[in-house]
Amino acid sequence: MKFVVQTFKAEKRLILISFLIFVLSTILGVVAGLYFGEEIQKFINQYIRKMFKNILENANNPYLLFLAILKNNMRVYLILITAGTLTFGLISLFVLLSNGFIVGAVATISAKQTSLAKTLLLILPHGIFEIAAFLIGSAASAIFLESAVFSKEKLKLNVTFKRFLTLVVCGAILVVFAAFIEAFVTIKFAK
């Protein structure tokens, strides 16, 4: 447990950078939702709903919904980790930017159609954990680049790898927890 705390302290800069990228892209999504809401809604209806069709089919059974959400989010998380690491964080940057933009735009459109309170109830319970997982995963994917190029203290590869694995596992645990919250708690707010 001590190493986990040390890892998060050591990598707080990467996590903060990931957070700022997500927040900025979310703000861009909010602005886009305000000014281009109808066009974005058409895109959502055409493409996004098809992507999440298998998840929506399981909405009546929380256990199947949990598994469908977990499968989808863990797939994205593993892509973020593997492809992100292989590209020294570039794929992770793209995932953060696109997810932040989508969250901001969809939240804005939803708030216009329903209310801000309902929109927050549909996003926050699971979103806090899911977003945290992706921020931690993004930080993990850039850890080798940061260690090799930007770190003042040249860490041994085994220490960097342990930190990487620590972040990856913590993020994966958050993905599981977020899927559980989404399937068993958030879904109740949607009805």
Protein backbone atom coordinates (compact mmCIF):
# COMPACT_ATOMS: atom_id res chain seq x y z
CA MET A 1 0.00 0.00 0.00
CA LYS A 2 2.91 2.30 0.76
CA PHE A 3 4.24 1.85 -2.79
CA VAL A 4 0.80 2.73 -4.21
CA VAL A 5 0.75 6.03 -2.29
CA GLN A 6 4.35 6.74 -3.32
CA THR A 7 3.49 6.01 -6.94
CA PHE A 8 0.56 8.42 -6.96
CA LYS A 9 2.70 11.10 -5.32
CA ALA A 10 5.50 10.53 -7.81
CA GLU A 11 3.17 10.57 -10.81
CA LYS A 12 0.86 13.39 -9.70
CA ARG A 13 2.21 15.63 -12.46
CA LEU A 14 1.21 13.18 -15.20
CA ILE A 15 -2.20 12.68 -13.59
CA LEU A 16 -2.68 16.46 -13.33
CA ILE A 17 -1.71 16.92 -16.98
CA SER A 18 -4.21 14.20 -17.96
CA PHE A 19 -6.88 15.91 -15.84
CA LEU A 20 -6.25 19.32 -17.43
CA ILE A 21 -6.43 17.85 -20.94
CA PHE A 22 -9.73 16.16 -20.08
CA VAL A 23 -11.17 19.34 -18.52
CA LEU A 24 -10.16 21.50 -21.49
CA SER A 25 -11.67 19.06 -23.97
CA THR A 26 -14.83 18.86 -21.83
CA ILE A 27 -15.11 22.64 -21.95
CA LEU A 28 -14.74 22.50 -25.74
CA GLY A 29 -17.49 19.87 -25.79
CA VAL A 30 -19.77 22.11 -23.71
CA VAL A 31 -19.19 25.01 -26.10
CA ALA A 32 -19.83 22.74 -29.08
CA GLY A 33 -23.00 21.42 -27.41
CA LEU A 34 -24.24 24.97 -26.91
CA TYR A 35 -23.59 26.11 -30.46
CA PHE A 36 -23.82 22.92 -32.51
CA GLY A 37 -26.17 20.82 -30.40
CA GLU A 38 -28.46 19.76 -33.24
CA GLU A 39 -25.59 18.55 -35.44
CA ILE A 40 -23.99 16.70 -32.53
CA GLN A 41 -27.35 15.14 -31.64
CA LYS A 42 -27.66 13.82 -35.21
CA PHE A 43 -24.16 12.34 -34.95
CA ILE A 44 -25.04 10.72 -31.63
CA ASN A 45 -28.22 9.25 -33.05
CA GLN A 46 -26.43 7.90 -36.13
CA TYR A 47 -23.17 6.57 -34.76
CA ILE A 48 -22.86 6.59 -31.00
CA ARG A 49 -26.10 4.72 -30.35
CA LYS A 50 -24.98 1.97 -32.76
CA MET A 51 -21.68 1.65 -30.90
CA PHE A 52 -23.51 1.17 -27.60
CA LYS A 53 -26.33 -0.97 -28.97
CA ASN A 54 -25.23 -4.09 -27.06
CA ILE A 55 -25.08 -2.13 -23.83
CA LEU A 56 -28.52 -0.62 -24.33
CA GLU A 57 -30.00 -4.05 -25.11
CA ASN A 58 -29.07 -5.18 -21.59
CA ALA A 59 -30.54 -2.18 -19.79
CA ASN A 60 -33.34 -4.24 -18.16
CA ASN A 61 -30.99 -6.71 -16.49
CA PRO A 62 -28.42 -4.96 -14.25
CA TYR A 63 -26.08 -7.98 -14.21
CA LEU A 64 -25.94 -8.21 -18.00
CA LEU A 65 -25.72 -4.43 -18.18
CA PHE A 66 -22.76 -4.50 -15.77
CA LEU A 67 -20.97 -7.08 -17.91
CA ALA A 68 -21.66 -5.16 -21.14
CA ILE A 69 -20.48 -1.86 -19.67
CA LEU A 70 -17.45 -3.53 -18.10
CA LYS A 71 -16.51 -5.20 -21.39
CA ASN A 72 -16.79 -1.91 -23.32
CA ASN A 73 -14.97 0.25 -20.77
CA MET A 74 -12.24 -2.31 -20.10
CA ARG A 75 -11.65 -2.62 -23.85
CA VAL A 76 -11.20 1.15 -24.11
CA TYR A 77 -9.00 1.13 -21.00
CA LEU A 78 -6.78 -1.64 -22.37
CA ILE A 79 -6.45 0.19 -25.70
CA LEU A 80 -5.55 3.33 -23.79
CA ILE A 81 -2.89 1.44 -21.82
CA THR A 82 -1.34 -0.66 -24.60
CA ALA A 83 -1.57 1.67 -27.58
CA GLY A 84 -0.98 4.66 -25.33
CA THR A 85 2.20 3.15 -23.93
CA LEU A 86 3.47 2.08 -27.35
CA THR A 87 2.96 5.65 -28.61
CA PHE A 88 4.33 7.23 -25.42
CA GLY A 89 0.94 8.67 -24.50
CA LEU A 90 -0.24 9.96 -27.89
CA ILE A 91 -3.17 7.53 -28.19
CA SER A 92 -4.07 8.31 -24.58
CA LEU A 93 -4.10 11.99 -25.43
CA PHE A 94 -6.54 11.28 -28.26
CA VAL A 95 -8.76 9.16 -25.97
CA LEU A 96 -8.82 11.90 -23.32
CA LEU A 97 -9.58 14.60 -25.86
CA SER A 98 -12.36 12.67 -27.57
CA ASN A 99 -13.95 11.40 -24.34
CA GLY A 100 -13.81 14.84 -22.72
CA PHE A 101 -15.36 16.42 -25.80
CA ILE A 102 -18.12 13.81 -25.94
CA VAL A 103 -18.87 14.13 -22.20
CA GLY A 104 -19.08 17.91 -22.48
CA ALA A 105 -21.23 17.92 -25.62
CA VAL A 106 -23.59 15.15 -24.51
CA ALA A 107 -23.96 16.64 -21.03
CA THR A 108 -24.83 20.02 -22.52
CA ILE A 109 -27.38 18.55 -24.92
CA SER A 110 -28.88 16.42 -22.13
CA ALA A 111 -29.09 19.38 -19.76
CA LYS A 112 -30.95 21.37 -22.44
CA GLN A 113 -33.42 18.51 -23.02
CA THR A 114 -33.98 17.45 -19.39
CA SER A 115 -32.28 19.39 -16.61
CA LEU A 116 -28.82 19.98 -15.27
CA ALA A 117 -29.63 18.05 -12.09
CA LYS A 118 -30.78 14.95 -13.99
CA THR A 119 -27.79 15.15 -16.32
CA LEU A 120 -25.41 15.28 -13.36
CA LEU A 121 -27.18 12.31 -11.78
CA LEU A 122 -26.67 10.37 -15.00
CA ILE A 123 -22.97 11.21 -15.22
CA LEU A 124 -21.47 11.77 -11.79
CA PRO A 125 -22.14 8.56 -9.82
CA HIS A 126 -20.10 6.38 -12.16
CA GLY A 127 -18.33 9.11 -14.10
CA ILE A 128 -16.12 10.13 -11.21
CA PHE A 129 -14.61 6.64 -11.07
CA GLU A 130 -14.58 6.03 -14.82
CA ILE A 131 -12.93 9.34 -15.63
CA ALA A 132 -10.42 8.84 -12.80
CA ALA A 133 -9.57 5.43 -14.27
CA PHE A 134 -8.91 6.90 -17.69
CA LEU A 135 -6.84 9.73 -16.20
CA ILE A 136 -4.73 7.24 -14.25
CA GLY A 137 -4.41 5.00 -17.33
CA SER A 138 -3.33 7.97 -19.44
CA ALA A 139 -0.70 8.88 -16.86
CA ALA A 140 0.49 5.27 -16.84
CA SER A 141 0.80 5.24 -20.62
CA ALA A 142 3.18 8.22 -20.52
CA ILE A 143 5.24 7.05 -17.54
CA PHE A 144 8.08 5.54 -19.58
CA LEU A 145 8.44 8.67 -21.70
CA GLU A 146 8.38 10.85 -18.60
CA SER A 147 10.90 8.65 -16.83
CA ALA A 148 13.30 8.53 -19.78
CA VAL A 149 13.09 12.11 -20.96
CA PHE A 150 11.64 14.46 -18.38
CA SER A 151 12.46 12.95 -15.00
CA LYS A 152 15.18 14.73 -13.03
CA GLU A 153 15.95 11.50 -11.22
CA LYS A 154 16.79 8.72 -13.63
CA LEU A 155 14.77 5.81 -12.29
CA LYS A 156 15.67 2.25 -12.93
CA LEU A 157 13.45 0.52 -15.45
CA ASN A 158 12.13 -1.90 -12.81
CA VAL A 159 10.93 0.99 -10.58
CA THR A 160 9.26 2.68 -13.57
CA PHE A 161 7.64 -0.61 -14.55
CA LYS A 162 6.35 -1.15 -10.99
CA ARG A 163 4.85 2.33 -11.00
CA PHE A 164 3.32 1.65 -14.40
CA LEU A 165 1.75 -1.61 -13.18
CA THR A 166 0.52 0.05 -9.99
CA LEU A 167 -1.28 2.76 -11.95
CA VAL A 168 -2.66 0.25 -14.47
CA VAL A 169 -4.09 -2.00 -11.74
CA CYS A 170 -5.57 0.93 -9.79
CA GLY A 171 -7.19 2.24 -12.98
CA ALA A 172 -8.58 -1.21 -13.84
CA ILE A 173 -10.12 -1.51 -10.38
CA LEU A 174 -11.79 1.87 -10.91
CA VAL A 175 -13.13 0.72 -14.29
CA VAL A 176 -14.77 -2.30 -12.61
CA PHE A 177 -16.20 -0.15 -9.82
CA ALA A 178 -17.51 2.45 -12.29
CA ALA A 179 -19.25 -0.25 -14.36
CA PHE A 180 -20.89 -1.61 -11.22
CA ILE A 181 -22.11 1.87 -10.19
CA GLU A 182 -23.35 2.59 -13.72
CA ALA A 183 -25.28 -0.68 -13.97
CA PHE A 184 -26.78 -0.73 -10.50
CA VAL A 185 -27.04 2.95 -9.46
CA THR A 186 -26.91 5.30 -12.45
CA ILE A 187 -29.43 3.26 -14.43
CA LYS A 188 -32.05 4.00 -11.74
CA PHE A 189 -31.69 7.72 -12.43
CA ALA A 190 -32.22 7.12 -16.15
CA LYS A 191 -35.72 5.73 -15.63
